[in-house]
Amino acid sequence: MRLGLNLRYLGRLAAAPPPEESLAYVQEAERLGYCVVWSAEVFSSDAVSVLAWLAARTERIELGTAAMQIPARTPAMTAMTAASLDLLSGGRFRLGLGVSGPQVSEGWHGVRFERPLVRTREYIAIVRQVLAEQKVVHDGTYYPLPLPGGEGKPLRLGMHPRRKDLPVYLAAVGPANTRLAGEIADGWLSVFFQPEASSDQLTQAQAGRKAQGLTLEGFDVVAAVPVVIGDDTGACADRVRLFTAHYLGGMGSKLHNFYTRQAARTGHADAAQEVQRLYLDGRIRAAAAAVPRRFLEQTCLLGPVSQVADRLRAYQEAGVTTLSAMVFPRDTEDGIRTLRLLADALAKSGAGD
């Protein structure tokens, strides 16, 4: 298992550090041997600009989107962006994609959130055609190319991509989408991964791989995990409560919140519903306080180094191949200390490559 760093996105909802502080974390992660840094997007900063900025300030660490929103861009534009970033970074780019949810897709991008699995399958098929330097022809429901009855013609990417097999990842929460990740992607971007409850999810990914005559060998299972290291596990847990409540309560509509459903599937249905109710009522602090400590300890790395090392072994044994840390520092020094202690914990755990 390798370590990565997940910066989330810039903005008040992510409680993310300012850009120069994030850069300090990325450069320290690179020095420590972390393999990849991921940048996200919702309706704040975009994932691509952040990575382009980081590409110019790093040398070895790989750069991934976790994830670029499918409703925000055409598949051809995404493939052009991926090819450009991969070329400019010297072959360090990883393309992570996600369908988002109805609140963002319909409220921000003006794209109906319907048949997301079909849309995702079509989207990635076109991205791969573009990167393979093929003339793009796609007879799909959502992305028919060229448009029927118009003046368009099949086009080919007007540059030579550095890698035609650039790795494509799919952000997936529900069972069907996780199966799709195994079938059509090179890796799965997960969040709130629970080692004790991971077998169903990995079974879905494995089924998707099997449909293509493949195994999980070489398939990158990426877990984005909040990390707070300290002597008092309860105090560490408190630092990730607002972040967790935001996902369980506010990342989606009342009817469609994939994170609330995931928590329910892993034994936290009542608590997740209560967190969502409080959050949607505007009682954010109460929602954060209602997040069960057990859920936080199952989905985060919290407490002393020895305890974190034990949990790292659990993640590795559950099938995670890249553990991407999300840090919640008090200041820059605390964030850098967290990255160093996590690297120490991985060395102590014996779970590293």
Protein backbone atom coordinates (compact mmCIF):
# COMPACT_ATOMS: atom_id res chain seq x y z
CA MET A 1 0.00 0.00 0.00
CA ARG A 2 1.26 3.47 -0.95
CA LEU A 3 0.49 6.86 0.56
CA GLY A 4 -1.11 9.74 -1.28
CA LEU A 5 -2.30 13.21 -0.31
CA ASN A 6 -5.82 14.49 -0.99
CA LEU A 7 -6.06 18.29 -0.95
CA ARG A 8 -9.85 18.35 -1.35
CA TYR A 9 -10.68 21.73 -2.92
CA LEU A 10 -10.15 25.38 -2.07
CA GLY A 11 -13.00 27.06 -0.28
CA ARG A 12 -14.84 27.56 2.95
CA LEU A 13 -16.84 24.31 2.83
CA ALA A 14 -13.70 22.19 2.56
CA ALA A 15 -11.95 24.06 5.37
CA ALA A 16 -8.92 23.74 3.13
CA PRO A 17 -5.64 25.56 3.75
CA PRO A 18 -4.64 28.46 1.49
CA PRO A 19 -2.74 27.60 -1.71
CA GLU A 20 0.79 28.28 -0.43
CA GLU A 21 0.15 26.10 2.61
CA SER A 22 -1.17 23.33 0.38
CA LEU A 23 1.97 23.63 -1.73
CA ALA A 24 4.10 23.13 1.37
CA TYR A 25 2.22 19.90 2.11
CA VAL A 26 2.59 18.64 -1.44
CA GLN A 27 6.33 19.34 -1.53
CA GLU A 28 6.79 17.64 1.83
CA ALA A 29 4.73 14.66 0.68
CA GLU A 30 6.93 14.41 -2.41
CA ARG A 31 10.06 14.48 -0.23
CA LEU A 32 8.61 11.74 1.99
CA GLY A 33 7.84 9.47 -0.96
CA TYR A 34 4.07 9.87 -1.19
CA CYS A 35 3.11 8.65 -4.63
CA VAL A 36 0.29 11.00 -5.66
CA VAL A 37 -1.54 14.20 -4.79
CA TRP A 38 -5.24 14.49 -5.62
CA SER A 39 -7.30 17.64 -6.17
CA ALA A 40 -11.10 17.74 -6.03
CA GLU A 41 -13.92 19.98 -7.20
CA VAL A 42 -17.55 20.54 -6.28
CA PHE A 43 -18.66 24.14 -6.76
CA SER A 44 -15.57 25.92 -5.49
CA SER A 45 -12.10 25.64 -7.05
CA ASP A 46 -11.72 23.37 -10.06
CA ALA A 47 -9.44 20.35 -9.90
CA VAL A 48 -7.43 21.06 -13.04
CA SER A 49 -6.07 24.53 -12.28
CA VAL A 50 -4.77 23.40 -8.91
CA LEU A 51 -2.91 20.46 -10.42
CA ALA A 52 -1.44 22.55 -13.24
CA TRP A 53 -0.07 24.94 -10.62
CA LEU A 54 1.34 22.04 -8.59
CA ALA A 55 2.86 20.38 -11.66
CA ALA A 56 5.12 23.39 -12.13
CA ARG A 57 6.30 23.22 -8.52
CA THR A 58 6.97 19.50 -8.16
CA GLU A 59 9.12 16.94 -9.92
CA ARG A 60 8.13 13.36 -9.08
CA ILE A 61 4.81 13.12 -7.27
CA GLU A 62 1.93 12.11 -9.52
CA LEU A 63 -1.08 14.38 -9.96
CA GLY A 64 -4.67 13.16 -9.97
CA THR A 65 -8.17 14.57 -10.09
CA ALA A 66 -10.47 13.16 -7.45
CA ALA A 67 -12.58 13.88 -9.23
CA MET A 68 -13.33 15.95 -12.33
CA GLN A 69 -17.11 16.27 -12.64
CA ILE A 70 -18.63 14.51 -15.63
CA PRO A 71 -21.53 16.96 -15.97
CA ALA A 72 -19.14 19.93 -16.07
CA ARG A 73 -17.28 19.08 -19.30
CA THR A 74 -17.77 17.24 -22.55
CA PRO A 75 -15.81 13.99 -22.73
CA ALA A 76 -13.66 15.40 -25.54
CA MET A 77 -12.74 18.45 -23.44
CA THR A 78 -11.83 16.20 -20.54
CA ALA A 79 -9.62 14.05 -22.77
CA MET A 80 -7.90 17.17 -24.19
CA THR A 81 -7.28 18.42 -20.64
CA ALA A 82 -5.94 15.06 -19.50
CA ALA A 83 -3.58 14.78 -22.47
CA SER A 84 -2.33 18.33 -21.91
CA LEU A 85 -1.72 17.91 -18.19
CA ASP A 86 0.00 14.58 -18.72
CA LEU A 87 2.32 16.09 -21.32
CA LEU A 88 3.11 19.21 -19.30
CA SER A 89 3.75 17.22 -16.09
CA GLY A 90 6.06 14.70 -17.75
CA GLY A 91 3.61 11.80 -17.61
CA ARG A 92 2.44 12.25 -14.03
CA PHE A 93 -1.29 12.75 -14.51
CA ARG A 94 -4.08 10.43 -13.35
CA LEU A 95 -7.59 11.16 -14.61
CA GLY A 96 -10.20 10.69 -11.91
CA LEU A 97 -13.84 11.20 -12.93
CA GLY A 98 -17.10 11.34 -11.02
CA VAL A 99 -20.74 11.79 -11.99
CA SER A 100 -21.35 14.08 -8.97
CA GLY A 101 -24.92 14.17 -7.62
CA PRO A 102 -28.25 15.76 -8.46
CA GLN A 103 -27.74 18.87 -6.35
CA VAL A 104 -24.54 19.89 -8.14
CA SER A 105 -25.30 18.40 -11.56
CA GLU A 106 -28.70 20.07 -11.86
CA GLY A 107 -28.20 23.10 -9.63
CA TRP A 108 -24.73 24.13 -10.75
CA HIS A 109 -24.12 22.65 -14.20
CA GLY A 110 -27.70 22.49 -15.50
CA VAL A 111 -27.38 18.83 -16.46
CA ARG A 112 -30.17 16.42 -15.55
CA PHE A 113 -29.01 13.72 -13.15
CA GLU A 114 -30.46 10.74 -14.95
CA ARG A 115 -29.10 7.29 -15.78
CA PRO A 116 -25.67 8.15 -14.35
CA LEU A 117 -24.22 4.71 -15.09
CA VAL A 118 -25.10 4.93 -18.79
CA ARG A 119 -23.77 8.47 -18.98
CA THR A 120 -20.50 7.47 -17.27
CA ARG A 121 -19.97 4.46 -19.51
CA GLU A 122 -20.43 6.58 -22.66
CA TYR A 123 -18.22 9.35 -21.29
CA ILE A 124 -15.24 7.15 -20.49
CA ALA A 125 -15.56 5.31 -23.81
CA ILE A 126 -15.16 8.61 -25.66
CA VAL A 127 -12.29 9.75 -23.43
CA ARG A 128 -10.43 6.55 -24.24
CA GLN A 129 -11.11 6.96 -27.97
CA VAL A 130 -9.64 10.46 -27.90
CA LEU A 131 -6.55 9.42 -25.94
CA ALA A 132 -6.02 6.51 -28.36
CA GLU A 133 -5.89 9.06 -31.22
CA GLN A 134 -8.87 7.47 -32.90
CA LYS A 135 -11.42 9.36 -34.96
CA VAL A 136 -14.22 9.82 -32.49
CA VAL A 137 -17.50 8.21 -33.46
CA HIS A 138 -19.96 7.34 -30.74
CA ASP A 139 -23.55 6.19 -31.16
CA GLY A 140 -24.75 6.99 -27.65
CA THR A 141 -27.78 8.33 -25.86
CA TYR A 142 -26.04 11.24 -24.17
CA TYR A 143 -22.99 11.88 -26.32
CA PRO A 144 -23.77 11.05 -29.97
CA LEU A 145 -20.72 12.05 -31.99
CA PRO A 146 -20.77 13.54 -34.54
CA LEU A 147 -24.20 15.03 -33.87
CA PRO A 148 -26.74 13.46 -36.24
CA GLY A 149 -28.05 15.68 -39.00
CA GLY A 150 -25.42 18.36 -38.58
CA GLU A 151 -22.21 19.46 -40.25
CA GLY A 152 -19.85 17.79 -37.84
CA LYS A 153 -17.47 15.06 -38.90
CA PRO A 154 -15.38 12.54 -36.96
CA LEU A 155 -12.30 14.26 -35.53
CA ARG A 156 -9.04 13.02 -34.07
CA LEU A 157 -7.04 14.60 -31.24
CA GLY A 158 -4.72 17.16 -32.79
CA MET A 159 -1.74 16.31 -30.58
CA HIS A 160 0.15 13.16 -29.69
CA PRO A 161 -0.64 12.30 -26.05
CA ARG A 162 2.33 11.26 -23.99
CA ARG A 163 0.40 8.13 -22.94
CA LYS A 164 -2.48 6.58 -24.84
CA ASP A 165 -3.17 4.39 -21.80
CA LEU A 166 -3.28 7.22 -19.29
CA PRO A 167 -4.89 5.77 -16.12
CA VAL A 168 -8.57 6.52 -15.65
CA TYR A 169 -10.19 6.34 -12.20
CA LEU A 170 -13.85 6.43 -11.27
CA ALA A 171 -15.19 7.94 -8.05
CA ALA A 172 -17.89 5.58 -6.83
CA VAL A 173 -19.95 5.22 -3.67
CA GLY A 174 -22.88 2.93 -4.45
CA PRO A 175 -22.64 -0.76 -5.37
CA ALA A 176 -23.58 -0.38 -9.05
CA ASN A 177 -21.12 2.46 -9.63
CA THR A 178 -18.36 0.56 -7.82
CA ARG A 179 -18.99 -2.41 -10.11
CA LEU A 180 -18.79 -0.06 -13.09
CA ALA A 181 -15.44 1.26 -11.82
CA GLY A 182 -14.09 -2.27 -11.86
CA GLU A 183 -15.40 -2.85 -15.35
CA ILE A 184 -14.31 0.29 -17.22
CA ALA A 185 -11.66 2.06 -15.10
CA ASP A 186 -8.10 1.45 -13.93
CA GLY A 187 -8.84 2.41 -10.35
CA TRP A 188 -11.58 3.21 -7.86
CA LEU A 189 -11.72 6.44 -5.85
CA SER A 190 -13.49 5.72 -2.57
CA VAL A 191 -14.40 7.85 0.43
CA PHE A 192 -15.46 6.79 3.93
CA PHE A 193 -13.93 3.39 3.19
CA GLN A 194 -14.39 1.08 6.18
CA PRO A 195 -12.01 -1.89 6.26
CA GLU A 196 -14.43 -3.90 8.40
CA ALA A 197 -17.27 -3.41 5.91
CA SER A 198 -15.36 -3.34 2.64
CA SER A 199 -15.95 -6.84 1.34
CA ASP A 200 -19.25 -5.97 -0.39
CA GLN A 201 -17.70 -2.99 -2.16
CA LEU A 202 -14.64 -4.90 -3.28
CA THR A 203 -16.84 -7.77 -4.40
CA GLN A 204 -18.62 -5.32 -6.69
CA ALA A 205 -15.35 -3.99 -8.10
CA GLN A 206 -14.13 -7.55 -8.57
CA ALA A 207 -17.32 -8.47 -10.43
CA GLY A 208 -16.77 -5.56 -12.77
CA ARG A 209 -13.23 -6.69 -13.45
CA LYS A 210 -14.36 -10.27 -14.00
CA ALA A 211 -16.83 -9.07 -16.65
CA GLN A 212 -13.77 -7.94 -18.63
CA GLY A 213 -11.84 -11.15 -17.97
CA LEU A 214 -9.65 -9.39 -15.39
CA THR A 215 -8.82 -9.68 -11.69
CA LEU A 216 -8.15 -6.98 -9.11
CA GLU A 217 -4.43 -7.36 -9.85
CA GLY A 218 -3.20 -3.96 -11.01
CA PHE A 219 -6.48 -2.25 -10.13
CA ASP A 220 -5.80 0.73 -7.86
CA VAL A 221 -8.15 0.88 -4.86
CA VAL A 222 -7.77 4.42 -3.55
CA ALA A 223 -9.18 5.37 -0.15
CA ALA A 224 -9.38 9.06 0.74
CA VAL A 225 -9.04 9.05 4.52
CA PRO A 226 -9.10 11.96 7.03
CA VAL A 227 -6.00 11.84 9.24
CA VAL A 228 -5.46 13.49 12.63
CA ILE A 229 -2.62 12.12 14.75
CA GLY A 230 -2.36 12.86 18.47
CA ASP A 231 -2.47 11.34 21.92
CA ASP A 232 -6.19 12.04 22.53
CA THR A 233 -8.26 10.06 20.02
CA GLY A 234 -11.47 11.86 21.00
CA ALA A 235 -9.92 15.27 20.38
CA CYS A 236 -8.60 14.02 17.03
CA ALA A 237 -12.09 12.84 16.10
CA ASP A 238 -13.58 16.22 16.92
CA ARG A 239 -11.39 17.87 14.27
CA VAL A 240 -13.06 15.90 11.46
CA ARG A 241 -16.66 16.15 12.66
CA LEU A 242 -17.66 19.17 10.58
CA PHE A 243 -16.12 17.66 7.45
CA THR A 244 -17.97 14.37 7.96
CA ALA A 245 -21.26 16.09 8.78
CA HIS A 246 -20.98 18.12 5.59
CA TYR A 247 -20.85 14.92 3.53
CA LEU A 248 -23.52 13.00 5.44
CA GLY A 249 -25.79 16.00 5.71
CA GLY A 250 -25.18 18.35 2.83
CA MET A 251 -23.51 16.61 -0.11
CA GLY A 252 -26.65 15.81 -2.03
CA SER A 253 -30.37 16.40 -1.74
CA LYS A 254 -32.65 15.09 0.96
CA LEU A 255 -33.70 12.27 -1.36
CA HIS A 256 -30.31 11.53 -2.92
CA ASN A 257 -27.28 11.61 -0.63
CA PHE A 258 -24.95 8.77 -1.58
CA TYR A 259 -22.81 9.21 1.54
CA THR A 260 -25.79 8.92 3.86
CA ARG A 261 -26.76 5.73 2.05
CA GLN A 262 -23.26 4.36 2.35
CA ALA A 263 -23.24 5.02 6.10
CA ALA A 264 -26.57 3.24 6.34
CA ARG A 265 -25.22 0.21 4.46
CA THR A 266 -22.41 -0.08 7.00
CA GLY A 267 -24.61 -0.04 10.09
CA HIS A 268 -25.11 3.67 10.79
CA ALA A 269 -28.54 4.29 9.25
CA ASP A 270 -30.23 6.02 12.19
CA ALA A 271 -27.24 8.21 13.01
CA ALA A 272 -26.74 9.20 9.37
CA GLN A 273 -30.39 10.21 9.03
CA GLU A 274 -30.16 12.30 12.18
CA VAL A 275 -27.01 14.04 10.98
CA GLN A 276 -28.70 14.78 7.66
CA ARG A 277 -31.85 16.10 9.37
CA LEU A 278 -29.90 18.46 11.61
CA TYR A 279 -27.67 19.63 8.78
CA LEU A 280 -30.56 20.38 6.42
CA ASP A 281 -32.31 22.26 9.24
CA GLY A 282 -29.28 24.55 9.41
CA ARG A 283 -28.05 23.15 12.74
CA ILE A 284 -24.54 22.47 11.50
CA ARG A 285 -22.81 22.25 14.86
CA ALA A 286 -25.47 19.91 16.19
CA ALA A 287 -25.10 17.76 13.07
CA ALA A 288 -21.36 17.55 13.63
CA ALA A 289 -21.86 16.56 17.26
CA ALA A 290 -24.31 13.83 16.16
CA VAL A 291 -21.74 12.03 13.99
CA PRO A 292 -20.99 8.82 15.94
CA ARG A 293 -17.44 8.52 17.18
CA ARG A 294 -17.49 4.87 16.10
CA PHE A 295 -18.17 5.93 12.51
CA LEU A 296 -15.29 8.41 12.66
CA GLU A 297 -12.90 5.80 14.05
CA GLN A 298 -13.95 3.35 11.32
CA THR A 299 -13.51 5.81 8.44
CA CYS A 300 -10.60 7.99 9.62
CA LEU A 301 -7.06 7.57 10.95
CA LEU A 302 -7.16 9.03 14.44
CA GLY A 303 -5.04 8.91 17.56
CA PRO A 304 -1.45 7.93 18.41
CA VAL A 305 1.00 6.67 15.78
CA SER A 306 0.78 3.09 17.07
CA GLN A 307 -3.01 3.12 16.71
CA VAL A 308 -2.79 4.62 13.23
CA ALA A 309 -0.26 1.93 12.26
CA ASP A 310 -2.74 -0.76 13.31
CA ARG A 311 -5.45 0.83 11.18
CA LEU A 312 -3.10 1.13 8.20
CA ARG A 313 -2.61 -2.64 8.34
CA ALA A 314 -6.40 -3.04 8.33
CA TYR A 315 -6.72 -0.88 5.22
CA GLN A 316 -3.97 -2.81 3.45
CA GLU A 317 -5.49 -6.17 4.40
CA ALA A 318 -8.90 -4.96 3.17
CA GLY A 319 -7.47 -4.36 -0.31
CA VAL A 320 -6.58 -0.66 -0.37
CA THR A 321 -3.55 -0.04 -2.60
CA THR A 322 -3.32 3.76 -2.24
CA LEU A 323 -4.30 5.50 0.98
CA SER A 324 -4.69 9.23 0.33
CA ALA A 325 -4.53 11.32 3.46
CA MET A 326 -6.76 14.32 4.03
CA VAL A 327 -5.13 16.45 6.71
CA PHE A 328 -6.90 18.85 9.08
CA PRO A 329 -4.04 20.91 10.48
CA ARG A 330 -4.11 23.74 12.98
CA ASP A 331 -1.29 25.39 11.03
CA THR A 332 1.35 24.57 8.43
CA GLU A 333 3.73 23.04 10.92
CA ASP A 334 1.00 20.74 12.23
CA GLY A 335 0.10 19.65 8.70
CA ILE A 336 3.70 18.79 7.85
CA ARG A 337 4.05 16.96 11.16
CA THR A 338 0.95 14.90 10.30
CA LEU A 339 2.40 13.86 6.95
CA ARG A 340 5.67 12.81 8.59
CA LEU A 341 3.96 10.87 11.36
CA LEU A 342 1.73 9.10 8.84
CA ALA A 343 4.80 8.02 6.88
CA ASP A 344 6.33 6.76 10.14
CA ALA A 345 3.13 4.89 10.95
CA LEU A 346 3.14 3.20 7.55
CA ALA A 347 6.75 2.12 8.07
CA LYS A 348 5.85 0.71 11.49
CA SER A 349 2.77 -1.06 10.16
CA GLY A 350 4.62 -3.11 7.54
CA ALA A 351 1.79 -2.36 5.12
CA GLY A 352 3.84 -0.29 2.69
CA ASP A 353 5.31 -1.48 -0.58
